[in-house]
Amino acid sequence: MGIIATVIAGLVIGAIARFVMPGEQKMGWIMTAVLGVAGSVGAGLIGQMLGWYAPGQGAGWIASIGAAVALLFIVNKLRAGKTA
């Protein structure tokens, strides 16, 4: 049940990140879930390195969405550089 909850939370986080980010993002719901999970993992790792979170503690929704938006920005820049 943990993996299913992680994917659902990732999908919600990725969808919020896509909603917050201006412009069109061409990705399906699977990549949206991957974006959200990666943002959540990234926020957790950064928070642990900075001492904000203990191992095993959730990074929080706001930090996860912020990290997902940052990843989405990077992906959009890499895609734009590839077509130019």
N, C-alpha and C. Protein backbone atom coordinates (compact mmCIF):
# COMPACT_ATOMS: atom_id res chain seq x y z
N MET A 1 0.81 -1.19 0.00
CA MET A 1 0.00 0.00 0.00
C MET A 1 0.86 1.26 0.00
N GLY A 2 2.10 1.16 0.45
CA GLY A 2 2.98 2.32 0.50
C GLY A 2 3.33 2.85 -0.87
N ILE A 3 3.56 1.96 -1.83
CA ILE A 3 3.92 2.40 -3.18
C ILE A 3 2.73 3.07 -3.85
N ILE A 4 1.55 2.53 -3.65
CA ILE A 4 0.35 3.14 -4.25
C ILE A 4 0.13 4.53 -3.67
N ALA A 5 0.29 4.69 -2.38
CA ALA A 5 0.13 6.00 -1.76
C ALA A 5 1.18 6.98 -2.26
N THR A 6 2.40 6.49 -2.47
CA THR A 6 3.47 7.34 -2.99
C THR A 6 3.16 7.82 -4.40
N VAL A 7 2.65 6.93 -5.24
CA VAL A 7 2.31 7.30 -6.62
C VAL A 7 1.15 8.29 -6.64
N ILE A 8 0.15 8.07 -5.80
CA ILE A 8 -0.99 8.99 -5.75
C ILE A 8 -0.54 10.36 -5.25
N ALA A 9 0.26 10.38 -4.19
CA ALA A 9 0.77 11.66 -3.68
C ALA A 9 1.64 12.34 -4.74
N GLY A 10 2.47 11.57 -5.44
CA GLY A 10 3.29 12.12 -6.51
C GLY A 10 2.46 12.70 -7.64
N LEU A 11 1.36 12.04 -7.96
CA LEU A 11 0.47 12.55 -9.00
C LEU A 11 -0.15 13.88 -8.58
N VAL A 12 -0.57 13.97 -7.33
CA VAL A 12 -1.16 15.23 -6.83
C VAL A 12 -0.10 16.34 -6.80
N ILE A 13 1.09 16.02 -6.29
CA ILE A 13 2.16 17.02 -6.22
C ILE A 13 2.57 17.47 -7.62
N GLY A 14 2.72 16.52 -8.55
CA GLY A 14 3.07 16.87 -9.92
C GLY A 14 2.00 17.70 -10.61
N ALA A 15 0.73 17.38 -10.35
CA ALA A 15 -0.36 18.15 -10.96
C ALA A 15 -0.38 19.58 -10.42
N ILE A 16 -0.15 19.75 -9.13
CA ILE A 16 -0.09 21.10 -8.56
C ILE A 16 1.09 21.86 -9.13
N ALA A 17 2.24 21.19 -9.27
CA ALA A 17 3.42 21.84 -9.84
C ALA A 17 3.16 22.27 -11.29
N ARG A 18 2.50 21.44 -12.06
CA ARG A 18 2.17 21.80 -13.44
C ARG A 18 1.18 22.95 -13.48
N PHE A 19 0.27 23.00 -12.52
CA PHE A 19 -0.72 24.09 -12.46
C PHE A 19 -0.04 25.41 -12.11
N VAL A 20 0.93 25.36 -11.20
CA VAL A 20 1.63 26.57 -10.74
C VAL A 20 2.56 27.11 -11.82
N MET A 21 3.20 26.23 -12.57
CA MET A 21 4.18 26.62 -13.58
C MET A 21 3.47 27.20 -14.81
N PRO A 22 3.81 28.43 -15.21
CA PRO A 22 3.14 29.01 -16.38
C PRO A 22 3.59 28.31 -17.67
N GLY A 23 2.73 28.36 -18.65
CA GLY A 23 3.04 27.76 -19.94
C GLY A 23 2.50 26.34 -20.05
N GLU A 24 2.74 25.76 -21.19
CA GLU A 24 2.23 24.41 -21.46
C GLU A 24 3.33 23.39 -21.23
N GLN A 25 3.00 22.35 -20.48
CA GLN A 25 3.92 21.25 -20.26
C GLN A 25 3.34 20.02 -20.97
N LYS A 26 4.09 19.51 -21.90
CA LYS A 26 3.61 18.37 -22.68
C LYS A 26 4.11 17.08 -22.03
N MET A 27 3.31 16.58 -21.09
CA MET A 27 3.61 15.31 -20.45
C MET A 27 2.30 14.70 -19.99
N GLY A 28 2.28 13.38 -19.97
CA GLY A 28 1.10 12.66 -19.54
C GLY A 28 1.02 12.52 -18.03
N TRP A 29 0.04 11.78 -17.60
CA TRP A 29 -0.17 11.64 -16.15
C TRP A 29 0.89 10.78 -15.50
N ILE A 30 1.50 9.85 -16.24
CA ILE A 30 2.57 9.03 -15.66
C ILE A 30 3.80 9.90 -15.39
N MET A 31 4.17 10.74 -16.35
CA MET A 31 5.31 11.62 -16.14
C MET A 31 5.00 12.68 -15.08
N THR A 32 3.74 13.06 -14.95
CA THR A 32 3.34 13.98 -13.89
C THR A 32 3.56 13.34 -12.53
N ALA A 33 3.19 12.06 -12.40
CA ALA A 33 3.42 11.33 -11.15
C ALA A 33 4.91 11.17 -10.87
N VAL A 34 5.70 10.87 -11.90
CA VAL A 34 7.15 10.74 -11.73
C VAL A 34 7.74 12.08 -11.28
N LEU A 35 7.26 13.17 -11.88
CA LEU A 35 7.72 14.50 -11.49
C LEU A 35 7.42 14.77 -10.02
N GLY A 36 6.23 14.44 -9.58
CA GLY A 36 5.84 14.66 -8.20
C GLY A 36 6.64 13.81 -7.22
N VAL A 37 6.85 12.54 -7.56
CA VAL A 37 7.64 11.67 -6.69
C VAL A 37 9.08 12.15 -6.62
N ALA A 38 9.65 12.53 -7.77
CA ALA A 38 11.02 13.03 -7.79
C ALA A 38 11.15 14.33 -7.00
N GLY A 39 10.16 15.21 -7.10
CA GLY A 39 10.17 16.44 -6.32
C GLY A 39 10.10 16.17 -4.83
N SER A 40 9.30 15.21 -4.45
CA SER A 40 9.17 14.85 -3.04
C SER A 40 10.45 14.24 -2.50
N VAL A 41 11.04 13.35 -3.27
CA VAL A 41 12.31 12.73 -2.84
C VAL A 41 13.41 13.78 -2.77
N GLY A 42 13.46 14.65 -3.77
CA GLY A 42 14.47 15.72 -3.77
C GLY A 42 14.31 16.66 -2.58
N ALA A 43 13.07 17.03 -2.27
CA ALA A 43 12.83 17.91 -1.12
C ALA A 43 13.23 17.21 0.18
N GLY A 44 12.96 15.92 0.27
CA GLY A 44 13.34 15.17 1.47
C GLY A 44 14.85 15.08 1.64
N LEU A 45 15.56 14.82 0.55
CA LEU A 45 17.02 14.71 0.63
C LEU A 45 17.67 16.05 0.96
N ILE A 46 17.20 17.11 0.31
CA ILE A 46 17.77 18.44 0.59
C ILE A 46 17.45 18.85 2.03
N GLY A 47 16.23 18.57 2.45
CA GLY A 47 15.86 18.91 3.82
C GLY A 47 16.67 18.15 4.86
N GLN A 48 17.01 16.89 4.56
CA GLN A 48 17.85 16.11 5.47
C GLN A 48 19.28 16.64 5.49
N MET A 49 19.81 17.02 4.33
CA MET A 49 21.17 17.56 4.29
C MET A 49 21.29 18.87 5.04
N LEU A 50 20.24 19.69 5.00
CA LEU A 50 20.25 20.97 5.69
C LEU A 50 19.82 20.85 7.15
N GLY A 51 19.39 19.67 7.55
CA GLY A 51 19.00 19.46 8.94
C GLY A 51 17.57 19.86 9.26
N TRP A 52 16.75 20.08 8.23
CA TRP A 52 15.36 20.47 8.45
C TRP A 52 14.49 19.27 8.79
N TYR A 53 14.85 18.10 8.25
CA TYR A 53 14.05 16.89 8.44
C TYR A 53 14.94 15.78 8.96
N ALA A 54 14.36 14.89 9.72
CA ALA A 54 15.06 13.68 10.15
C ALA A 54 14.79 12.59 9.12
N PRO A 55 15.68 11.60 9.00
CA PRO A 55 15.43 10.50 8.07
C PRO A 55 14.10 9.81 8.42
N GLY A 56 13.31 9.55 7.40
CA GLY A 56 12.02 8.92 7.58
C GLY A 56 10.88 9.90 7.81
N GLN A 57 11.20 11.16 7.99
CA GLN A 57 10.19 12.18 8.20
C GLN A 57 9.79 12.76 6.85
N GLY A 58 8.53 13.03 6.67
CA GLY A 58 8.05 13.59 5.40
C GLY A 58 8.59 14.98 5.15
N ALA A 59 8.86 15.29 3.90
CA ALA A 59 9.42 16.60 3.55
C ALA A 59 8.36 17.69 3.60
N GLY A 60 7.12 17.33 3.55
CA GLY A 60 6.07 18.34 3.56
C GLY A 60 5.61 18.65 2.14
N TRP A 61 4.35 19.00 2.03
CA TRP A 61 3.77 19.23 0.72
C TRP A 61 4.35 20.46 0.04
N ILE A 62 4.54 21.52 0.78
CA ILE A 62 5.01 22.77 0.16
C ILE A 62 6.42 22.60 -0.39
N ALA A 63 7.30 21.97 0.37
CA ALA A 63 8.67 21.73 -0.10
C ALA A 63 8.66 20.78 -1.30
N SER A 64 7.81 19.78 -1.28
CA SER A 64 7.73 18.84 -2.40
C SER A 64 7.24 19.52 -3.66
N ILE A 65 6.24 20.38 -3.53
CA ILE A 65 5.73 21.10 -4.70
C ILE A 65 6.80 22.07 -5.23
N GLY A 66 7.50 22.74 -4.33
CA GLY A 66 8.58 23.64 -4.75
C GLY A 66 9.67 22.91 -5.50
N ALA A 67 10.06 21.74 -5.01
CA ALA A 67 11.08 20.94 -5.70
C ALA A 67 10.56 20.43 -7.04
N ALA A 68 9.29 20.06 -7.12
CA ALA A 68 8.71 19.60 -8.38
C ALA A 68 8.65 20.74 -9.39
N VAL A 69 8.33 21.94 -8.94
CA VAL A 69 8.33 23.10 -9.85
C VAL A 69 9.74 23.37 -10.37
N ALA A 70 10.73 23.26 -9.49
CA ALA A 70 12.13 23.45 -9.91
C ALA A 70 12.52 22.40 -10.95
N LEU A 71 12.15 21.14 -10.72
CA LEU A 71 12.45 20.09 -11.69
C LEU A 71 11.73 20.33 -13.01
N LEU A 72 10.48 20.77 -12.94
CA LEU A 72 9.72 21.06 -14.15
C LEU A 72 10.36 22.21 -14.93
N PHE A 73 10.86 23.21 -14.23
CA PHE A 73 11.57 24.33 -14.88
C PHE A 73 12.80 23.81 -15.61
N ILE A 74 13.57 22.94 -14.96
CA ILE A 74 14.77 22.38 -15.58
C ILE A 74 14.42 21.55 -16.80
N VAL A 75 13.37 20.73 -16.68
CA VAL A 75 12.95 19.90 -17.82
C VAL A 75 12.51 20.77 -18.99
N ASN A 76 11.76 21.83 -18.72
CA ASN A 76 11.33 22.73 -19.78
C ASN A 76 12.50 23.42 -20.46
N LYS A 77 13.50 23.83 -19.69
CA LYS A 77 14.69 24.46 -20.27
C LYS A 77 15.49 23.47 -21.12
N LEU A 78 15.60 22.23 -20.66
CA LEU A 78 16.32 21.22 -21.43
C LEU A 78 15.58 20.89 -22.73
N ARG A 79 14.27 20.82 -22.67
CA ARG A 79 13.49 20.56 -23.89
C ARG A 79 13.58 21.73 -24.86
N ALA A 80 13.57 22.95 -24.36
CA ALA A 80 13.65 24.13 -25.23
C ALA A 80 15.03 24.21 -25.88
N GLY A 81 16.06 23.85 -25.15
CA GLY A 81 17.41 23.87 -25.71
C GLY A 81 17.63 22.79 -26.74
N LYS A 82 16.89 21.69 -26.64
CA LYS A 82 17.03 20.58 -27.55
C LYS A 82 16.43 20.91 -28.93
N THR A 83 15.33 21.69 -28.95
CA THR A 83 14.67 22.01 -30.21
C THR A 83 15.28 23.23 -30.88
N ALA A 84 16.01 24.05 -30.16
CA ALA A 84 16.54 25.28 -30.75
C ALA A 84 17.78 25.01 -31.57
